[in-house]
Amino acid sequence: MASAPAGYNYAKGSGIESFPAAVVFAVLYAFLLVFFLFRSFTRPTFVFFVVAFFCLLRFTGFIIRALLAQVPADGENINLFIAYEVIYNTGFFGIIYSTYTLILDRVAFAKNPPRGPIYFILKRRFLFRLALTAAVSTGITGSVQTLLGTQQSTISTGETLRKVAIYIFLVCAILVFLQAFILARVEFSEGGYRSATHSPGGKYGIYLLIAVSLLLVAREAFFAATISNLTAQGNEHLWYPLAALTELLAVGIFTVPGLVPARSEIPQESEWA
């Protein structure tokens, strides 16, 4: 891609065309950013801080996307396009890790949390962070090599790295989905956080978290299904409902009152905390 002809529009080449849609999403994420920053201080918890960070990255990303779509000179600026790719790839870490953390925090309320080798691995936050970090770094490296590569071997390596990142994210999303069912079993059998609060998020949190995890799986399934068809993957008629909207809906669920327990409420003696 570094040998692209003069005046080549990288944004349009990747399917970025709609200025209004990018602006709408930027505005929505601006409101969500303010909300989660406020909640981070009024109800301190790691989950709210990370979700706020995700909203900041998505707000910034959609502002850049709007510029790429609307301003031809920006669309032709490979450095700005790479900045958008880096910010977008980094952002997904926030929402998937927030969901993972929230599920573990709620399992920590169980008097008899699940045990066994599989559960031991699933609750290792460090391992999950490591996998997500690998996905982010691999995806960014792949995107940069694909865009800046001057030799076919470099571009091919970049495309391979990009695919590896998508599959890692898909596996992580599926693991979060499985953990949501672990939480369901725990809360239905013991009550846990579900019985400790009367708020909507407390009582119906199981269903909400299953919905969030399904949205994350759907998002990654879209990228996996179009992994070898970048034209379809970048098509905004598919990208906005299957990638952008799924994330937005997932983040919106985190605004439900009582879904996220405050850090001070979580039993620190639990091995899941």
Protein backbone atom coordinates (compact mmCIF):
# COMPACT_ATOMS: atom_id res chain seq x y z
CA MET A 1 0.00 0.00 0.00
CA ALA A 2 2.95 2.38 0.47
CA SER A 3 3.32 2.36 -3.33
CA ALA A 4 -0.25 3.58 -3.81
CA PRO A 5 -0.57 6.23 -6.55
CA ALA A 6 -0.53 9.91 -5.64
CA GLY A 7 -3.92 11.09 -4.47
CA TYR A 8 -5.03 7.62 -3.37
CA ASN A 9 -7.78 7.90 -0.75
CA TYR A 10 -7.04 5.29 1.92
CA ALA A 11 -10.33 5.96 3.69
CA LYS A 12 -12.50 5.32 0.65
CA GLY A 13 -10.32 2.37 -0.28
CA SER A 14 -11.20 0.76 3.06
CA GLY A 15 -14.90 1.59 2.83
CA ILE A 16 -15.02 4.73 5.01
CA GLU A 17 -17.57 7.02 3.36
CA SER A 18 -20.38 8.08 5.71
CA PHE A 19 -19.67 11.36 7.51
CA PRO A 20 -23.09 11.60 9.28
CA ALA A 21 -22.86 8.08 10.73
CA ALA A 22 -19.40 8.74 12.15
CA VAL A 23 -20.58 12.01 13.71
CA VAL A 24 -23.63 10.35 15.28
CA PHE A 25 -21.48 7.65 16.87
CA ALA A 26 -18.95 10.24 18.06
CA VAL A 27 -21.73 12.22 19.78
CA LEU A 28 -23.19 9.10 21.40
CA TYR A 29 -19.79 8.06 22.72
CA ALA A 30 -19.22 11.59 24.02
CA PHE A 31 -22.35 11.28 26.17
CA LEU A 32 -21.34 7.80 27.31
CA LEU A 33 -17.84 9.04 28.15
CA VAL A 34 -19.24 11.75 30.41
CA PHE A 35 -21.60 9.26 32.05
CA PHE A 36 -18.91 6.68 32.81
CA LEU A 37 -16.42 9.28 34.01
CA PHE A 38 -19.08 10.51 36.43
CA ARG A 39 -19.82 6.95 37.57
CA SER A 40 -16.11 6.26 37.99
CA PHE A 41 -15.96 8.89 40.72
CA THR A 42 -19.39 8.46 42.30
CA ARG A 43 -19.22 4.64 42.34
CA PRO A 44 -15.51 3.80 42.03
CA THR A 45 -14.80 0.54 40.27
CA PHE A 46 -12.21 -0.66 37.80
CA VAL A 47 -14.96 -1.60 35.33
CA PHE A 48 -16.24 1.97 34.99
CA PHE A 49 -12.73 3.35 34.52
CA VAL A 50 -11.97 0.90 31.72
CA VAL A 51 -15.34 1.45 30.02
CA ALA A 52 -14.73 5.21 30.19
CA PHE A 53 -11.34 4.65 28.54
CA PHE A 54 -13.04 2.58 25.83
CA CYS A 55 -15.55 5.37 25.21
CA LEU A 56 -12.71 7.90 24.95
CA LEU A 57 -10.96 5.78 22.32
CA ARG A 58 -14.17 5.25 20.37
CA PHE A 59 -15.07 8.96 20.55
CA THR A 60 -11.61 9.86 19.24
CA GLY A 61 -11.77 7.12 16.62
CA PHE A 62 -15.13 8.26 15.22
CA ILE A 63 -13.97 11.89 15.12
CA ILE A 64 -11.01 10.77 13.00
CA ARG A 65 -13.31 8.54 10.93
CA ALA A 66 -15.57 11.54 10.25
CA LEU A 67 -12.56 13.55 9.05
CA LEU A 68 -11.38 10.67 6.87
CA ALA A 69 -14.82 10.42 5.28
CA GLN A 70 -15.45 14.15 4.81
CA VAL A 71 -12.07 15.73 4.04
CA PRO A 72 -10.34 14.33 0.92
CA ALA A 73 -6.90 15.46 2.10
CA ASP A 74 -7.39 13.58 5.37
CA GLY A 75 -8.58 10.49 3.54
CA GLU A 76 -5.35 10.56 1.53
CA ASN A 77 -3.21 11.01 4.66
CA ILE A 78 -1.79 7.58 5.42
CA ASN A 79 -0.52 8.66 8.85
CA LEU A 80 -4.00 9.79 9.93
CA PHE A 81 -5.47 6.56 8.58
CA ILE A 82 -2.91 4.51 10.53
CA ALA A 83 -3.74 6.52 13.66
CA TYR A 84 -7.40 5.58 13.19
CA GLU A 85 -6.49 1.90 12.76
CA VAL A 86 -4.35 1.92 15.92
CA ILE A 87 -7.04 3.63 18.02
CA TYR A 88 -9.78 1.34 16.71
CA ASN A 89 -7.78 -1.85 17.29
CA THR A 90 -6.83 -0.76 20.81
CA GLY A 91 -10.37 0.15 21.80
CA PHE A 92 -11.92 -3.32 21.76
CA PHE A 93 -9.60 -4.33 24.60
CA GLY A 94 -11.58 -2.01 26.89
CA ILE A 95 -15.08 -3.36 26.38
CA ILE A 96 -14.19 -7.05 26.34
CA TYR A 97 -11.95 -6.79 29.42
CA SER A 98 -14.59 -4.77 31.27
CA THR A 99 -17.15 -7.50 30.61
CA TYR A 100 -14.72 -10.20 31.71
CA THR A 101 -13.86 -8.29 34.91
CA LEU A 102 -17.50 -7.58 35.75
CA ILE A 103 -18.42 -11.26 35.45
CA LEU A 104 -15.56 -12.27 37.76
CA ASP A 105 -16.51 -9.54 40.25
CA ARG A 106 -20.07 -10.85 40.43
CA VAL A 107 -18.95 -14.48 40.75
CA ALA A 108 -16.89 -13.35 43.77
CA PHE A 109 -20.15 -12.90 45.72
CA ALA A 110 -20.77 -16.66 45.64
CA LYS A 111 -20.28 -18.50 48.93
CA ASN A 112 -19.25 -21.63 47.03
CA PRO A 113 -17.66 -20.42 43.78
CA PRO A 114 -16.97 -23.01 41.06
CA ARG A 115 -13.65 -24.82 41.29
CA GLY A 116 -11.59 -26.99 38.99
CA PRO A 117 -8.77 -26.67 36.46
CA ILE A 118 -10.94 -24.95 33.83
CA TYR A 119 -12.27 -22.40 36.31
CA PHE A 120 -8.74 -21.84 37.62
CA ILE A 121 -7.64 -20.77 34.15
CA LEU A 122 -10.76 -18.72 33.40
CA LYS A 123 -10.33 -16.57 36.50
CA ARG A 124 -6.66 -15.75 35.79
CA ARG A 125 -7.04 -12.08 34.90
CA PHE A 126 -3.38 -11.78 33.98
CA LEU A 127 -3.70 -14.50 31.33
CA PHE A 128 -6.77 -12.85 29.82
CA ARG A 129 -5.03 -9.45 29.74
CA LEU A 130 -2.03 -11.10 28.12
CA ALA A 131 -4.19 -12.65 25.39
CA LEU A 132 -5.95 -9.34 24.71
CA THR A 133 -2.65 -7.46 24.66
CA ALA A 134 -1.30 -9.99 22.17
CA ALA A 135 -4.39 -9.51 19.99
CA VAL A 136 -4.10 -5.71 20.07
CA SER A 137 -0.36 -5.60 19.36
CA THR A 138 -0.63 -8.25 16.64
CA GLY A 139 -3.55 -6.46 15.00
CA ILE A 140 -1.80 -3.08 15.03
CA THR A 141 1.43 -4.56 13.67
CA GLY A 142 -0.50 -6.35 10.95
CA SER A 143 -2.38 -3.21 9.90
CA VAL A 144 0.78 -1.11 9.77
CA GLN A 145 2.71 -3.72 7.78
CA THR A 146 -0.17 -4.11 5.34
CA LEU A 147 -0.38 -0.36 4.78
CA LEU A 148 3.31 0.50 4.72
CA GLY A 149 4.77 -2.70 3.29
CA THR A 150 6.71 -2.19 0.06
CA GLN A 151 7.27 -5.90 -0.58
CA GLN A 152 4.62 -8.55 -1.04
CA SER A 153 6.16 -10.70 1.70
CA THR A 154 5.78 -7.87 4.22
CA ILE A 155 2.20 -7.22 3.16
CA SER A 156 1.38 -10.94 3.37
CA THR A 157 2.87 -11.11 6.86
CA GLY A 158 0.76 -8.11 7.86
CA GLU A 159 -2.39 -9.77 6.55
CA THR A 160 -1.57 -12.95 8.46
CA LEU A 161 -1.00 -11.02 11.70
CA ARG A 162 -4.30 -9.20 11.23
CA LYS A 163 -6.10 -12.54 10.87
CA VAL A 164 -4.37 -13.95 13.96
CA ALA A 165 -5.54 -10.92 15.98
CA ILE A 166 -9.14 -11.42 14.87
CA TYR A 167 -9.09 -15.09 15.89
CA ILE A 168 -7.57 -14.29 19.29
CA PHE A 169 -10.29 -11.71 19.93
CA LEU A 170 -12.94 -14.21 18.82
CA VAL A 171 -11.65 -16.86 21.24
CA CYS A 172 -11.58 -14.29 24.07
CA ALA A 173 -15.15 -13.22 23.27
CA ILE A 174 -16.31 -16.85 23.34
CA LEU A 175 -14.58 -17.35 26.71
CA VAL A 176 -16.43 -14.32 28.10
CA PHE A 177 -19.69 -15.80 26.79
CA LEU A 178 -18.94 -19.08 28.59
CA GLN A 179 -18.12 -17.18 31.78
CA ALA A 180 -21.49 -15.47 31.60
CA PHE A 181 -23.10 -18.91 31.86
CA ILE A 182 -20.85 -19.77 34.80
CA LEU A 183 -22.16 -16.64 36.48
CA ALA A 184 -25.73 -17.64 35.63
CA ARG A 185 -25.28 -21.02 37.30
CA VAL A 186 -23.75 -19.41 40.39
CA GLU A 187 -26.37 -16.69 40.81
CA PHE A 188 -29.33 -18.95 40.11
CA SER A 189 -28.12 -21.50 42.66
CA GLU A 190 -26.84 -19.15 45.37
CA GLY A 191 -28.24 -15.72 44.64
CA GLY A 192 -24.91 -13.95 45.08
CA TYR A 193 -24.90 -10.31 44.04
CA ARG A 194 -28.31 -10.87 42.48
CA SER A 195 -29.85 -11.34 45.93
CA ALA A 196 -27.77 -8.60 47.56
CA THR A 197 -29.38 -5.74 45.64
CA HIS A 198 -32.85 -4.79 44.42
CA SER A 199 -31.67 -2.69 41.47
CA PRO A 200 -32.54 -3.73 37.89
CA GLY A 201 -28.90 -4.47 37.09
CA GLY A 202 -28.56 -6.59 40.18
CA LYS A 203 -31.63 -8.71 39.59
CA TYR A 204 -31.40 -9.04 35.81
CA GLY A 205 -27.65 -8.75 35.47
CA ILE A 206 -27.29 -12.36 34.34
CA TYR A 207 -29.44 -11.77 31.27
CA LEU A 208 -27.78 -8.42 30.59
CA LEU A 209 -24.27 -9.88 30.73
CA ILE A 210 -25.25 -12.78 28.48
CA ALA A 211 -26.59 -10.17 26.04
CA VAL A 212 -23.33 -8.20 26.24
CA SER A 213 -21.22 -11.30 25.67
CA LEU A 214 -23.41 -12.31 22.71
CA LEU A 215 -22.95 -8.87 21.17
CA LEU A 216 -19.18 -9.18 21.55
CA VAL A 217 -19.19 -12.64 19.95
CA ALA A 218 -21.38 -11.33 17.11
CA ARG A 219 -18.95 -8.47 16.55
CA GLU A 220 -15.95 -10.79 16.30
CA ALA A 221 -17.88 -13.38 14.29
CA PHE A 222 -18.47 -10.68 11.66
CA PHE A 223 -14.76 -9.95 11.40
CA ALA A 224 -13.93 -13.67 11.31
CA ALA A 225 -16.55 -14.33 8.61
CA THR A 226 -15.15 -11.54 6.42
CA ILE A 227 -11.50 -12.16 7.29
CA SER A 228 -10.53 -12.82 3.68
CA ASN A 229 -12.94 -10.32 2.14
CA LEU A 230 -11.83 -6.83 3.15
CA THR A 231 -14.36 -5.23 0.80
CA ALA A 232 -17.25 -6.84 2.70
CA GLN A 233 -15.55 -6.18 6.03
CA GLY A 234 -15.23 -2.48 5.27
CA ASN A 235 -18.70 -2.12 3.73
CA GLU A 236 -20.43 0.38 6.00
CA HIS A 237 -23.82 -1.24 5.38
CA LEU A 238 -22.39 -4.25 7.22
CA TRP A 239 -19.73 -2.65 9.39
CA TYR A 240 -21.98 -0.20 11.23
CA PRO A 241 -24.70 -2.68 12.33
CA LEU A 242 -22.41 -5.68 12.94
CA ALA A 243 -19.29 -4.01 14.34
CA ALA A 244 -20.02 -0.46 15.49
CA LEU A 245 -23.60 -0.93 16.73
CA THR A 246 -22.90 -4.17 18.58
CA GLU A 247 -20.20 -2.40 20.61
CA LEU A 248 -22.42 0.60 21.28
CA LEU A 249 -25.28 -1.59 22.52
CA ALA A 250 -22.88 -3.54 24.73
CA VAL A 251 -21.56 -0.34 26.30
CA GLY A 252 -25.09 0.99 26.70
CA ILE A 253 -26.01 -2.03 28.82
CA PHE A 254 -23.31 -1.02 31.32
CA THR A 255 -25.41 2.07 32.14
CA VAL A 256 -28.15 -0.07 33.75
CA PRO A 257 -28.31 0.85 37.46
CA GLY A 258 -26.84 -1.76 39.79
CA LEU A 259 -25.24 -3.92 37.11
CA VAL A 260 -21.71 -3.07 38.25
CA PRO A 261 -20.94 -3.54 41.97
CA ALA A 262 -18.68 -0.95 43.57
CA ARG A 263 -15.19 -2.13 44.40
CA SER A 264 -15.93 -1.70 48.11
CA GLU A 265 -18.85 -4.16 47.83
CA ILE A 266 -16.87 -7.03 46.30
CA PRO A 267 -15.79 -9.69 48.85
CA GLN A 268 -12.01 -9.29 48.77
CA GLU A 269 -11.46 -12.67 50.41
CA SER A 270 -12.92 -14.45 47.37
CA GLU A 271 -10.42 -16.10 45.05
CA TRP A 272 -12.42 -14.66 42.13
CA ALA A 273 -12.05 -11.03 43.28
